[in-house]
Amino acid sequence: MTGSAHGGSVVANESRFGLGGGIFSKDVDYPTVPALKQFDTDMVFINHFNLATPEMPFGAVRDSGYGRKHGVFDLREFGNAKAIAVAAWLGGRARVAQPYLLCPSGPTTARLRA
């Protein structure tokens, strides 16, 4: 299926489940902004669907389970954390974006520190 990041987020956001969504793009830097602002899912994968680490948050969006697991996100149960993993195979290594917490007061993001 081809289309825009916005179109993909609409499909993902209409589901009663919200564990994950994804964007495939030739430009690995572009999808990060739509991933943060448009997807109402726990995880957003960019150019892959299988990289997760213990430091990344997991679970608890809509009917996808209960509670946050992993890393500092266990302590931030009442935020809406979003994991963004980018497969940018530069030098044989995947790049994982820093975890962000979507602030309840608006669409801005605040970088979390462990």
PDB file of N, CA and C in Angstrom:
ATOM      1  N   MET A   1       0.840  -1.173   0.000  1.00  0.00           N
ATOM      2  CA  MET A   1       0.000   0.000   0.000  1.00  0.00           C
ATOM      3  C   MET A   1       0.884   1.236   0.000  1.00  0.00           C
ATOM      4  N   THR A   2       0.639   2.137  -0.879  1.00  0.00           N
ATOM      5  CA  THR A   2       1.398   3.380  -0.906  1.00  0.00           C
ATOM      6  C   THR A   2       0.500   4.523  -0.468  1.00  0.00           C
ATOM      7  N   GLY A   3       1.119   5.608  -0.025  1.00  0.00           N
ATOM      8  CA  GLY A   3       0.341   6.759   0.407  1.00  0.00           C
ATOM      9  C   GLY A   3       1.195   7.665   1.258  1.00  0.00           C
ATOM     10  N   SER A   4       0.536   8.485   2.050  1.00  0.00           N
ATOM     11  CA  SER A   4       1.245   9.445   2.888  1.00  0.00           C
ATOM     12  C   SER A   4       1.311   8.945   4.322  1.00  0.00           C
ATOM     13  N   ALA A   5       2.195   9.568   5.102  1.00  0.00           N
ATOM     14  CA  ALA A   5       2.264   9.254   6.532  1.00  0.00           C
ATOM     15  C   ALA A   5       0.929   9.582   7.187  1.00  0.00           C
ATOM     16  N   HIS A   6       0.289  10.654   6.721  1.00  0.00           N
ATOM     17  CA  HIS A   6      -1.011  11.030   7.288  1.00  0.00           C
ATOM     18  C   HIS A   6      -2.045   9.935   7.034  1.00  0.00           C
ATOM     19  N   GLY A   7      -2.068   9.398   5.820  1.00  0.00           N
ATOM     20  CA  GLY A   7      -3.006   8.324   5.499  1.00  0.00           C
ATOM     21  C   GLY A   7      -2.775   7.096   6.360  1.00  0.00           C
ATOM     22  N   GLY A   8      -1.519   6.763   6.585  1.00  0.00           N
ATOM     23  CA  GLY A   8      -1.190   5.627   7.446  1.00  0.00           C
ATOM     24  C   GLY A   8      -1.605   5.862   8.879  1.00  0.00           C
ATOM     25  N   SER A   9      -1.441   7.084   9.358  1.00  0.00           N
ATOM     26  CA  SER A   9      -1.818   7.380  10.738  1.00  0.00           C
ATOM     27  C   SER A   9      -3.330   7.332  10.908  1.00  0.00           C
ATOM     28  N   VAL A  10      -4.092   7.726   9.887  1.00  0.00           N
ATOM     29  CA  VAL A  10      -5.553   7.659   9.971  1.00  0.00           C
ATOM     30  C   VAL A  10      -5.990   6.211  10.145  1.00  0.00           C
ATOM     31  N   VAL A  11      -5.425   5.309   9.350  1.00  0.00           N
ATOM     32  CA  VAL A  11      -5.759   3.887   9.455  1.00  0.00           C
ATOM     33  C   VAL A  11      -5.380   3.360  10.839  1.00  0.00           C
ATOM     34  N   ALA A  12      -4.180   3.666  11.307  1.00  0.00           N
ATOM     35  CA  ALA A  12      -3.726   3.190  12.617  1.00  0.00           C
ATOM     36  C   ALA A  12      -4.570   3.773  13.740  1.00  0.00           C
ATOM     37  N   ASN A  13      -4.934   5.034  13.656  1.00  0.00           N
ATOM     38  CA  ASN A  13      -5.683   5.693  14.724  1.00  0.00           C
ATOM     39  C   ASN A  13      -7.146   5.267  14.783  1.00  0.00           C
ATOM     40  N   GLU A  14      -7.707   4.762  13.676  1.00  0.00           N
ATOM     41  CA  GLU A  14      -9.103   4.326  13.671  1.00  0.00           C
ATOM     42  C   GLU A  14      -9.288   2.960  14.322  1.00  0.00           C
ATOM     43  N   SER A  15      -8.216   2.223  14.514  1.00  0.00           N
ATOM     44  CA  SER A  15      -8.303   0.911  15.148  1.00  0.00           C
ATOM     45  C   SER A  15      -8.597   1.061  16.634  1.00  0.00           C
ATOM     46  N   ARG A  16      -9.309   0.086  17.217  1.00  0.00           N
ATOM     47  CA  ARG A  16      -9.518   0.136  18.669  1.00  0.00           C
ATOM     48  C   ARG A  16      -8.251  -0.256  19.408  1.00  0.00           C
ATOM     49  N   PHE A  17      -7.283  -0.790  18.680  1.00  0.00           N
ATOM     50  CA  PHE A  17      -5.986  -1.129  19.255  1.00  0.00           C
ATOM     51  C   PHE A  17      -4.986  -0.044  18.889  1.00  0.00           C
ATOM     52  N   GLY A  18      -3.968   0.138  19.696  1.00  0.00           N
ATOM     53  CA  GLY A  18      -3.010   1.196  19.406  1.00  0.00           C
ATOM     54  C   GLY A  18      -1.584   0.819  19.726  1.00  0.00           C
ATOM     55  N   LEU A  19      -1.259  -0.473  19.633  1.00  0.00           N
ATOM     56  CA  LEU A  19       0.084  -0.890  20.018  1.00  0.00           C
ATOM     57  C   LEU A  19       1.142  -0.366  19.063  1.00  0.00           C
ATOM     58  N   GLY A  20       0.887  -0.379  17.761  1.00  0.00           N
ATOM     59  CA  GLY A  20       1.931   0.083  16.853  1.00  0.00           C
ATOM     60  C   GLY A  20       1.411   0.475  15.489  1.00  0.00           C
ATOM     61  N   GLY A  21       2.245   1.227  14.787  1.00  0.00           N
ATOM     62  CA  GLY A  21       1.985   1.639  13.420  1.00  0.00           C
ATOM     63  C   GLY A  21       3.327   1.807  12.739  1.00  0.00           C
ATOM     64  N   GLY A  22       3.323   2.084  11.457  1.00  0.00           N
ATOM     65  CA  GLY A  22       4.603   2.218  10.781  1.00  0.00           C
ATOM     66  C   GLY A  22       4.544   3.063   9.532  1.00  0.00           C
ATOM     67  N   ILE A  23       5.723   3.560   9.165  1.00  0.00           N
ATOM     68  CA  ILE A  23       5.899   4.366   7.963  1.00  0.00           C
ATOM     69  C   ILE A  23       7.113   3.818   7.222  1.00  0.00           C
ATOM     70  N   PHE A  24       6.969   3.583   5.930  1.00  0.00           N
ATOM     71  CA  PHE A  24       8.105   3.227   5.095  1.00  0.00           C
ATOM     72  C   PHE A  24       8.385   4.406   4.175  1.00  0.00           C
ATOM     73  N   SER A  25       9.642   4.867   4.155  1.00  0.00           N
ATOM     74  CA  SER A  25       9.997   6.056   3.383  1.00  0.00           C
ATOM     75  C   SER A  25      11.433   5.951   2.896  1.00  0.00           C
ATOM     76  N   LYS A  26      11.706   6.538   1.739  1.00  0.00           N
ATOM     77  CA  LYS A  26      13.084   6.616   1.253  1.00  0.00           C
ATOM     78  C   LYS A  26      13.887   7.633   2.054  1.00  0.00           C
ATOM     79  N   ASP A  27      13.220   8.635   2.606  1.00  0.00           N
ATOM     80  CA  ASP A  27      13.864   9.671   3.415  1.00  0.00           C
ATOM     81  C   ASP A  27      13.668   9.320   4.887  1.00  0.00           C
ATOM     82  N   VAL A  28      14.708   8.802   5.551  1.00  0.00           N
ATOM     83  CA  VAL A  28      14.567   8.320   6.929  1.00  0.00           C
ATOM     84  C   VAL A  28      14.360   9.438   7.938  1.00  0.00           C
ATOM     85  N   ASP A  29      14.681  10.675   7.596  1.00  0.00           N
ATOM     86  CA  ASP A  29      14.491  11.772   8.540  1.00  0.00           C
ATOM     87  C   ASP A  29      13.078  12.357   8.489  1.00  0.00           C
ATOM     88  N   TYR A  30      12.443  12.362   7.333  1.00  0.00           N
ATOM     89  CA  TYR A  30      11.120  12.971   7.192  1.00  0.00           C
ATOM     90  C   TYR A  30      10.051  12.340   8.086  1.00  0.00           C
ATOM     91  N   PRO A  31       9.919  11.001   8.160  1.00  0.00           N
ATOM     92  CA  PRO A  31       8.787  10.418   8.879  1.00  0.00           C
ATOM     93  C   PRO A  31       8.792  10.636  10.389  1.00  0.00           C
ATOM     94  N   THR A  32       9.883  11.079  10.977  1.00  0.00           N
ATOM     95  CA  THR A  32       9.933  11.239  12.426  1.00  0.00           C
ATOM     96  C   THR A  32       8.907  12.252  12.914  1.00  0.00           C
ATOM     97  N   VAL A  33       8.718  13.356  12.218  1.00  0.00           N
ATOM     98  CA  VAL A  33       7.749  14.375  12.646  1.00  0.00           C
ATOM     99  C   VAL A  33       6.317  13.839  12.559  1.00  0.00           C
ATOM    100  N   PRO A  34       5.886  13.238  11.432  1.00  0.00           N
ATOM    101  CA  PRO A  34       4.534  12.663  11.419  1.00  0.00           C
ATOM    102  C   PRO A  34       4.368  11.562  12.471  1.00  0.00           C
ATOM    103  N   ALA A  35       5.423  10.802  12.719  1.00  0.00           N
ATOM    104  CA  ALA A  35       5.336   9.739  13.722  1.00  0.00           C
ATOM    105  C   ALA A  35       5.023  10.317  15.093  1.00  0.00           C
ATOM    106  N   LEU A  36       5.643  11.437  15.427  1.00  0.00           N
ATOM    107  CA  LEU A  36       5.399  12.080  16.723  1.00  0.00           C
ATOM    108  C   LEU A  36       4.028  12.729  16.800  1.00  0.00           C
ATOM    109  N   LYS A  37       3.611  13.391  15.732  1.00  0.00           N
ATOM    110  CA  LYS A  37       2.423  14.240  15.805  1.00  0.00           C
ATOM    111  C   LYS A  37       1.136  13.589  15.318  1.00  0.00           C
ATOM    112  N   GLN A  38       1.208  12.599  14.432  1.00  0.00           N
ATOM    113  CA  GLN A  38      -0.010  12.083  13.812  1.00  0.00           C
ATOM    114  C   GLN A  38      -0.431  10.710  14.305  1.00  0.00           C
ATOM    115  N   PHE A  39       0.515   9.869  14.721  1.00  0.00           N
ATOM    116  CA  PHE A  39       0.169   8.520  15.142  1.00  0.00           C
ATOM    117  C   PHE A  39      -0.222   8.505  16.615  1.00  0.00           C
ATOM    118  N   ASP A  40      -1.410   7.998  16.923  1.00  0.00           N
ATOM    119  CA  ASP A  40      -1.850   7.824  18.303  1.00  0.00           C
ATOM    120  C   ASP A  40      -1.660   6.352  18.667  1.00  0.00           C
ATOM    121  N   THR A  41      -0.413   5.915  18.594  1.00  0.00           N
ATOM    122  CA  THR A  41      -0.059   4.534  18.901  1.00  0.00           C
ATOM    123  C   THR A  41       1.110   4.527  19.869  1.00  0.00           C
ATOM    124  N   ASP A  42       1.296   3.385  20.530  1.00  0.00           N
ATOM    125  CA  ASP A  42       2.400   3.263  21.476  1.00  0.00           C
ATOM    126  C   ASP A  42       3.740   3.300  20.758  1.00  0.00           C
ATOM    127  N   MET A  43       3.856   2.527  19.694  1.00  0.00           N
ATOM    128  CA  MET A  43       5.113   2.449  18.955  1.00  0.00           C
ATOM    129  C   MET A  43       4.878   2.855  17.502  1.00  0.00           C
ATOM    130  N   VAL A  44       5.842   3.542  16.924  1.00  0.00           N
ATOM    131  CA  VAL A  44       5.813   3.844  15.496  1.00  0.00           C
ATOM    132  C   VAL A  44       7.145   3.379  14.927  1.00  0.00           C
ATOM    133  N   PHE A  45       7.084   2.464  13.984  1.00  0.00           N
ATOM    134  CA  PHE A  45       8.292   1.948  13.357  1.00  0.00           C
ATOM    135  C   PHE A  45       8.473   2.627  12.008  1.00  0.00           C
ATOM    136  N   ILE A  46       9.709   2.988  11.706  1.00  0.00           N
ATOM    137  CA  ILE A  46      10.020   3.634  10.438  1.00  0.00           C
ATOM    138  C   ILE A  46      10.970   2.724   9.661  1.00  0.00           C
ATOM    139  N   ASN A  47      10.506   2.248   8.522  1.00  0.00           N
ATOM    140  CA  ASN A  47      11.244   1.374   7.602  1.00  0.00           C
ATOM    141  C   ASN A  47      11.511  -0.028   8.142  1.00  0.00           C
ATOM    142  N   HIS A  48      10.777  -0.466   9.142  1.00  0.00           N
ATOM    143  CA  HIS A  48      10.876  -1.840   9.659  1.00  0.00           C
ATOM    144  C   HIS A  48       9.750  -2.048  10.664  1.00  0.00           C
ATOM    145  N   PHE A  49       9.617  -3.263  11.176  1.00  0.00           N
ATOM    146  CA  PHE A  49       8.595  -3.543  12.183  1.00  0.00           C
ATOM    147  C   PHE A  49       9.092  -4.492  13.256  1.00  0.00           C
ATOM    148  N   ASN A  50      10.360  -4.497  13.601  1.00  0.00           N
ATOM    149  CA  ASN A  50      10.769  -5.497  14.577  1.00  0.00           C
ATOM    150  C   ASN A  50      11.894  -5.104  15.517  1.00  0.00           C
ATOM    151  N   LEU A  51      12.257  -3.838  15.631  1.00  0.00           N
ATOM    152  CA  LEU A  51      13.329  -3.454  16.543  1.00  0.00           C
ATOM    153  C   LEU A  51      12.718  -2.884  17.810  1.00  0.00           C
ATOM    154  N   ALA A  52      12.988  -3.528  18.934  1.00  0.00           N
ATOM    155  CA  ALA A  52      12.551  -3.003  20.232  1.00  0.00           C
ATOM    156  C   ALA A  52      13.642  -3.335  21.238  1.00  0.00           C
ATOM    157  N   THR A  53      13.856  -2.445  22.169  1.00  0.00           N
ATOM    158  CA  THR A  53      14.860  -2.666  23.204  1.00  0.00           C
ATOM    159  C   THR A  53      14.209  -2.463  24.564  1.00  0.00           C
ATOM    160  N   PRO A  54      14.814  -2.970  25.634  1.00  0.00           N
ATOM    161  CA  PRO A  54      14.235  -2.796  26.970  1.00  0.00           C
ATOM    162  C   PRO A  54      14.085  -1.336  27.387  1.00  0.00           C
ATOM    163  N   GLU A  55      14.831  -0.428  26.767  1.00  0.00           N
ATOM    164  CA  GLU A  55      14.739   0.985  27.120  1.00  0.00           C
ATOM    165  C   GLU A  55      13.516   1.662  26.517  1.00  0.00           C
ATOM    166  N   MET A  56      12.900   1.041  25.530  1.00  0.00           N
ATOM    167  CA  MET A  56      11.760   1.646  24.847  1.00  0.00           C
ATOM    168  C   MET A  56      10.469   1.316  25.587  1.00  0.00           C
ATOM    169  N   PRO A  57       9.502   2.254  25.619  1.00  0.00           N
ATOM    170  CA  PRO A  57       8.225   1.971  26.274  1.00  0.00           C
ATOM    171  C   PRO A  57       7.433   0.944  25.474  1.00  0.00           C
ATOM    172  N   PHE A  58       6.509   0.260  26.158  1.00  0.00           N
ATOM    173  CA  PHE A  58       5.722  -0.772  25.495  1.00  0.00           C
ATOM    174  C   PHE A  58       4.331  -0.835  26.113  1.00  0.00           C
ATOM    175  N   GLY A  59       3.296  -0.823  25.301  1.00  0.00           N
ATOM    176  CA  GLY A  59       1.938  -1.120  25.727  1.00  0.00           C
ATOM    177  C   GLY A  59       1.090   0.060  26.139  1.00  0.00           C
ATOM    178  N   ALA A  60      -0.185  -0.240  26.413  1.00  0.00           N
ATOM    179  CA  ALA A  60      -1.146   0.652  27.067  1.00  0.00           C
ATOM    180  C   ALA A  60      -1.703   1.784  26.231  1.00  0.00           C
ATOM    181  N   VAL A  61      -2.008   1.564  24.977  1.00  0.00           N
ATOM    182  CA  VAL A  61      -2.728   2.563  24.190  1.00  0.00           C
ATOM    183  C   VAL A  61      -4.037   1.919  23.731  1.00  0.00           C
ATOM    184  N   ARG A  62      -5.141   2.541  24.075  1.00  0.00           N
ATOM    185  CA  ARG A  62      -6.495   2.036  23.794  1.00  0.00           C
ATOM    186  C   ARG A  62      -6.623   0.594  24.304  1.00  0.00           C
ATOM    187  N   ASP A  63      -7.086  -0.343  23.482  1.00  0.00           N
ATOM    188  CA  ASP A  63      -7.307  -1.724  23.935  1.00  0.00           C
ATOM    189  C   ASP A  63      -6.097  -2.624  23.692  1.00  0.00           C
ATOM    190  N   SER A  64      -4.904  -2.078  23.749  1.00  0.00           N
ATOM    191  CA  SER A  64      -3.690  -2.859  23.489  1.00  0.00           C
ATOM    192  C   SER A  64      -3.046  -3.414  24.749  1.00  0.00           C
ATOM    193  N   GLY A  65      -3.720  -3.380  25.844  1.00  0.00           N
ATOM    194  CA  GLY A  65      -3.141  -3.916  27.067  1.00  0.00           C
ATOM    195  C   GLY A  65      -3.287  -2.935  28.204  1.00  0.00           C
ATOM    196  N   TYR A  66      -2.497  -3.131  29.217  1.00  0.00           N
ATOM    197  CA  TYR A  66      -2.569  -2.244  30.374  1.00  0.00           C
ATOM    198  C   TYR A  66      -1.164  -1.975  30.888  1.00  0.00           C
ATOM    199  N   GLY A  67      -0.927  -0.764  31.339  1.00  0.00           N
ATOM    200  CA  GLY A  67       0.356  -0.412  31.939  1.00  0.00           C
ATOM    201  C   GLY A  67       1.478  -0.216  30.941  1.00  0.00           C
ATOM    202  N   ARG A  68       2.461   0.547  31.354  1.00  0.00           N
ATOM    203  CA  ARG A  68       3.686   0.744  30.576  1.00  0.00           C
ATOM    204  C   ARG A  68       4.752  -0.166  31.149  1.00  0.00           C
ATOM    205  N   LYS A  69       5.541  -0.711  30.287  1.00  0.00           N
ATOM    206  CA  LYS A  69       6.637  -1.573  30.712  1.00  0.00           C
ATOM    207  C   LYS A  69       7.929  -1.069  30.097  1.00  0.00           C
ATOM    208  N   HIS A  70       9.010  -1.273  30.797  1.00  0.00           N
ATOM    209  CA  HIS A  70      10.377  -0.991  30.346  1.00  0.00           C
ATOM    210  C   HIS A  70      10.843   0.425  30.696  1.00  0.00           C
ATOM    211  N   GLY A  71      12.102   0.531  31.075  1.00  0.00           N
ATOM    212  CA  GLY A  71      12.778   1.812  31.268  1.00  0.00           C
ATOM    213  C   GLY A  71      12.088   2.760  32.235  1.00  0.00           C
ATOM    214  N   VAL A  72      12.359   4.051  32.070  1.00  0.00           N
ATOM    215  CA  VAL A  72      11.796   5.081  32.948  1.00  0.00           C
ATOM    216  C   VAL A  72      10.292   5.228  32.748  1.00  0.00           C
ATOM    217  N   PHE A  73       9.733   4.605  31.716  1.00  0.00           N
ATOM    218  CA  PHE A  73       8.316   4.777  31.433  1.00  0.00           C
ATOM    219  C   PHE A  73       7.428   4.064  32.437  1.00  0.00           C
ATOM    220  N   ASP A  74       7.954   3.098  33.190  1.00  0.00           N
ATOM    221  CA  ASP A  74       7.174   2.515  34.280  1.00  0.00           C
ATOM    222  C   ASP A  74       6.799   3.592  35.281  1.00  0.00           C
ATOM    223  N   LEU A  75       7.654   4.592  35.445  1.00  0.00           N
ATOM    224  CA  LEU A  75       7.411   5.670  36.395  1.00  0.00           C
ATOM    225  C   LEU A  75       6.530   6.763  35.821  1.00  0.00           C
ATOM    226  N   ARG A  76       6.336   6.758  34.532  1.00  0.00           N
ATOM    227  CA  ARG A  76       5.563   7.820  33.878  1.00  0.00           C
ATOM    228  C   ARG A  76       4.251   7.252  33.329  1.00  0.00           C
ATOM    229  N   GLU A  77       3.585   6.509  34.174  1.00  0.00           N
ATOM    230  CA  GLU A  77       2.378   5.784  33.781  1.00  0.00           C
ATOM    231  C   GLU A  77       1.286   6.683  33.209  1.00  0.00           C
ATOM    232  N   PHE A  78       1.246   7.928  33.609  1.00  0.00           N
ATOM    233  CA  PHE A  78       0.138   8.777  33.214  1.00  0.00           C
ATOM    234  C   PHE A  78       0.439   9.645  31.998  1.00  0.00           C
ATOM    235  N   GLY A  79       1.606   9.503  31.415  1.00  0.00           N
ATOM    236  CA  GLY A  79       1.926  10.220  30.184  1.00  0.00           C
ATOM    237  C   GLY A  79       1.524   9.384  28.989  1.00  0.00           C
ATOM    238  N   ASN A  80       1.662   9.933  27.807  1.00  0.00           N
ATOM    239  CA  ASN A  80       1.418   9.182  26.582  1.00  0.00           C
ATOM    240  C   ASN A  80       2.745   9.057  25.858  1.00  0.00           C
ATOM    241  N   ALA A  81       3.536   8.084  26.279  1.00  0.00           N
ATOM    242  CA  ALA A  81       4.870   7.891  25.707  1.00  0.00           C
ATOM    243  C   ALA A  81       4.753   7.258  24.331  1.00  0.00           C
ATOM    244  N   LYS A  82       5.705   7.557  23.473  1.00  0.00           N
ATOM    245  CA  LYS A  82       5.708   7.012  22.125  1.00  0.00           C
ATOM    246  C   LYS A  82       7.113   6.563  21.780  1.00  0.00           C
ATOM    247  N   ALA A  83       7.258   5.326  21.363  1.00  0.00           N
ATOM    248  CA  ALA A  83       8.549   4.807  20.925  1.00  0.00           C
ATOM    249  C   ALA A  83       8.644   4.991  19.417  1.00  0.00           C
ATOM    250  N   ILE A  84       9.765   5.530  18.953  1.00  0.00           N
ATOM    251  CA  ILE A  84       9.991   5.698  17.518  1.00  0.00           C
ATOM    252  C   ILE A  84      11.320   5.035  17.184  1.00  0.00           C
ATOM    253  N   ALA A  85      11.277   4.022  16.344  1.00  0.00           N
ATOM    254  CA  ALA A  85      12.482   3.314  15.945  1.00  0.00           C
ATOM    255  C   ALA A  85      12.679   3.504  14.450  1.00  0.00           C
ATOM    256  N   VAL A  86      13.851   3.966  14.051  1.00  0.00           N
ATOM    257  CA  VAL A  86      14.144   4.273  12.656  1.00  0.00           C
ATOM    258  C   VAL A  86      15.198   3.302  12.142  1.00  0.00           C
ATOM    259  N   ALA A  87      14.879   2.566  11.086  1.00  0.00           N
ATOM    260  CA  ALA A  87      15.849   1.663  10.481  1.00  0.00           C
ATOM    261  C   ALA A  87      16.638   2.450   9.443  1.00  0.00           C
ATOM    262  N   ALA A  88      17.725   3.031   9.864  1.00  0.00           N
ATOM    263  CA  ALA A  88      18.594   3.790   8.963  1.00  0.00           C
ATOM    264  C   ALA A  88      19.910   3.037   8.916  1.00  0.00           C
ATOM    265  N   TRP A  89      19.976   2.058   8.102  1.00  0.00           N
ATOM    266  CA  TRP A  89      21.111   1.145   8.101  1.00  0.00           C
ATOM    267  C   TRP A  89      22.364   1.837   7.585  1.00  0.00           C
ATOM    268  N   LEU A  90      22.927   2.655   8.440  1.00  0.00           N
ATOM    269  CA  LEU A  90      24.155   3.368   8.135  1.00  0.00           C
ATOM    270  C   LEU A  90      25.297   2.656   8.844  1.00  0.00           C
ATOM    271  N   GLY A  91      26.190   2.105   8.091  1.00  0.00           N
ATOM    272  CA  GLY A  91      27.301   1.383   8.700  1.00  0.00           C
ATOM    273  C   GLY A  91      26.854   0.111   9.402  1.00  0.00           C
ATOM    274  N   GLY A  92      25.726  -0.465   8.983  1.00  0.00           N
ATOM    275  CA  GLY A  92      25.277  -1.719   9.563  1.00  0.00           C
ATOM    276  C   GLY A  92      24.565  -1.589  10.898  1.00  0.00           C
ATOM    277  N   ARG A  93      24.245  -0.368  11.336  1.00  0.00           N
ATOM    278  CA  ARG A  93      23.593  -0.194  12.634  1.00  0.00           C
ATOM    279  C   ARG A  93      22.265   0.541  12.475  1.00  0.00           C
ATOM    280  N   ALA A  94      21.272   0.090  13.195  1.00  0.00           N
ATOM    281  CA  ALA A  94      19.987   0.792  13.198  1.00  0.00           C
ATOM    282  C   ALA A  94      20.076   1.959  14.163  1.00  0.00           C
ATOM    283  N   ARG A  95      19.369   3.034  13.843  1.00  0.00           N
ATOM    284  CA  ARG A  95      19.347   4.216  14.697  1.00  0.00           C
ATOM    285  C   ARG A  95      17.988   4.267  15.392  1.00  0.00           C
ATOM    286  N   VAL A  96      18.000   4.423  16.712  1.00  0.00           N
ATOM    287  CA  VAL A  96      16.759   4.517  17.474  1.00  0.00           C
ATOM    288  C   VAL A  96      16.620   5.940  17.983  1.00  0.00           C
ATOM    289  N   ALA A  97      15.501   6.581  17.679  1.00  0.00           N
ATOM    290  CA  ALA A  97      15.273   7.957  18.122  1.00  0.00           C
ATOM    291  C   ALA A  97      15.150   8.009  19.636  1.00  0.00           C
ATOM    292  N   GLN A  98      15.442   9.165  20.214  1.00  0.00           N
ATOM    293  CA  GLN A  98      15.303   9.352  21.657  1.00  0.00           C
ATOM    294  C   GLN A  98      13.834   9.234  22.055  1.00  0.00           C
ATOM    295  N   PRO A  99      13.542   8.651  23.234  1.00  0.00           N
ATOM    296  CA  PRO A  99      12.142   8.577  23.679  1.00  0.00           C
ATOM    297  C   PRO A  99      11.584   9.967  23.970  1.00  0.00           C
ATOM    298  N   TYR A 100      10.340  10.171  23.645  1.00  0.00           N
ATOM    299  CA  TYR A 100       9.667  11.441  23.890  1.00  0.00           C
ATOM    300  C   TYR A 100       8.358  11.187  24.623  1.00  0.00           C
ATOM    301  N   LEU A 101       7.914  12.171  25.374  1.00  0.00           N
ATOM    302  CA  LEU A 101       6.619  12.120  26.045  1.00  0.00           C
ATOM    303  C   LEU A 101       5.756  13.233  25.476  1.00  0.00           C
ATOM    304  N   LEU A 102       4.572  12.874  24.991  1.00  0.00           N
ATOM    305  CA  LEU A 102       3.664  13.893  24.488  1.00  0.00           C
ATOM    306  C   LEU A 102       3.001  14.561  25.684  1.00  0.00           C
ATOM    307  N   CYS A 103       3.158  15.859  25.789  1.00  0.00           N
ATOM    308  CA  CYS A 103       2.640  16.609  26.934  1.00  0.00           C
ATOM    309  C   CYS A 103       1.120  16.684  26.873  1.00  0.00           C
ATOM    310  N   PRO A 104       0.427  16.440  28.003  1.00  0.00           N
ATOM    311  CA  PRO A 104      -1.030  16.512  28.001  1.00  0.00           C
ATOM    312  C   PRO A 104      -1.554  17.905  27.666  1.00  0.00           C
ATOM    313  N   SER A 105      -0.757  18.945  27.863  1.00  0.00           N
ATOM    314  CA  SER A 105      -1.221  20.312  27.641  1.00  0.00           C
ATOM    315  C   SER A 105      -1.237  20.714  26.173  1.00  0.00           C
ATOM    316  N   GLY A 106      -0.664  19.921  25.296  1.00  0.00           N
ATOM    317  CA  GLY A 106      -0.657  20.298  23.892  1.00  0.00           C
ATOM    318  C   GLY A 106       0.196  19.367  23.061  1.00  0.00           C
ATOM    319  N   PRO A 107       0.342  19.665  21.764  1.00  0.00           N
ATOM    320  CA  PRO A 107       1.051  18.781  20.850  1.00  0.00           C
ATOM    321  C   PRO A 107       2.563  18.889  20.920  1.00  0.00           C
ATOM    322  N   THR A 108       3.094  19.655  21.870  1.00  0.00           N
ATOM    323  CA  THR A 108       4.544  19.772  21.966  1.00  0.00           C
ATOM    324  C   THR A 108       5.121  18.500  22.563  1.00  0.00           C
ATOM    325  N   THR A 109       6.411  18.302  22.363  1.00  0.00           N
ATOM    326  CA  THR A 109       7.065  17.133  22.940  1.00  0.00           C
ATOM    327  C   THR A 109       8.160  17.590  23.878  1.00  0.00           C
ATOM    328  N   ALA A 110       8.403  16.803  24.871  1.00  0.00           N
ATOM    329  CA  ALA A 110       9.471  17.093  25.823  1.00  0.00           C
ATOM    330  C   ALA A 110      10.393  15.890  25.856  1.00  0.00           C
ATOM    331  N   ARG A 111      11.661  16.097  25.741  1.00  0.00           N
ATOM    332  CA  ARG A 111      12.602  14.995  25.749  1.00  0.00           C
ATOM    333  C   ARG A 111      12.730  14.463  27.171  1.00  0.00           C
ATOM    334  N   LEU A 112      12.655  13.150  27.309  1.00  0.00           N
ATOM    335  CA  LEU A 112      12.749  12.523  28.624  1.00  0.00           C
ATOM    336  C   LEU A 112      14.191  12.211  28.952  1.00  0.00           C
ATOM    337  N   ARG A 113      14.513  12.316  30.191  1.00  0.00           N
ATOM    338  CA  ARG A 113      15.848  11.937  30.659  1.00  0.00           C
ATOM    339  C   ARG A 113      15.693  10.821  31.665  1.00  0.00           C
ATOM    340  N   ALA A 114      16.562   9.835  31.581  1.00  0.00           N
ATOM    341  CA  ALA A 114      16.490   8.700  32.508  1.00  0.00           C
ATOM    342  C   ALA A 114      16.884   9.128  33.905  1.00  0.00           C
TER     343      ALA A 114
END
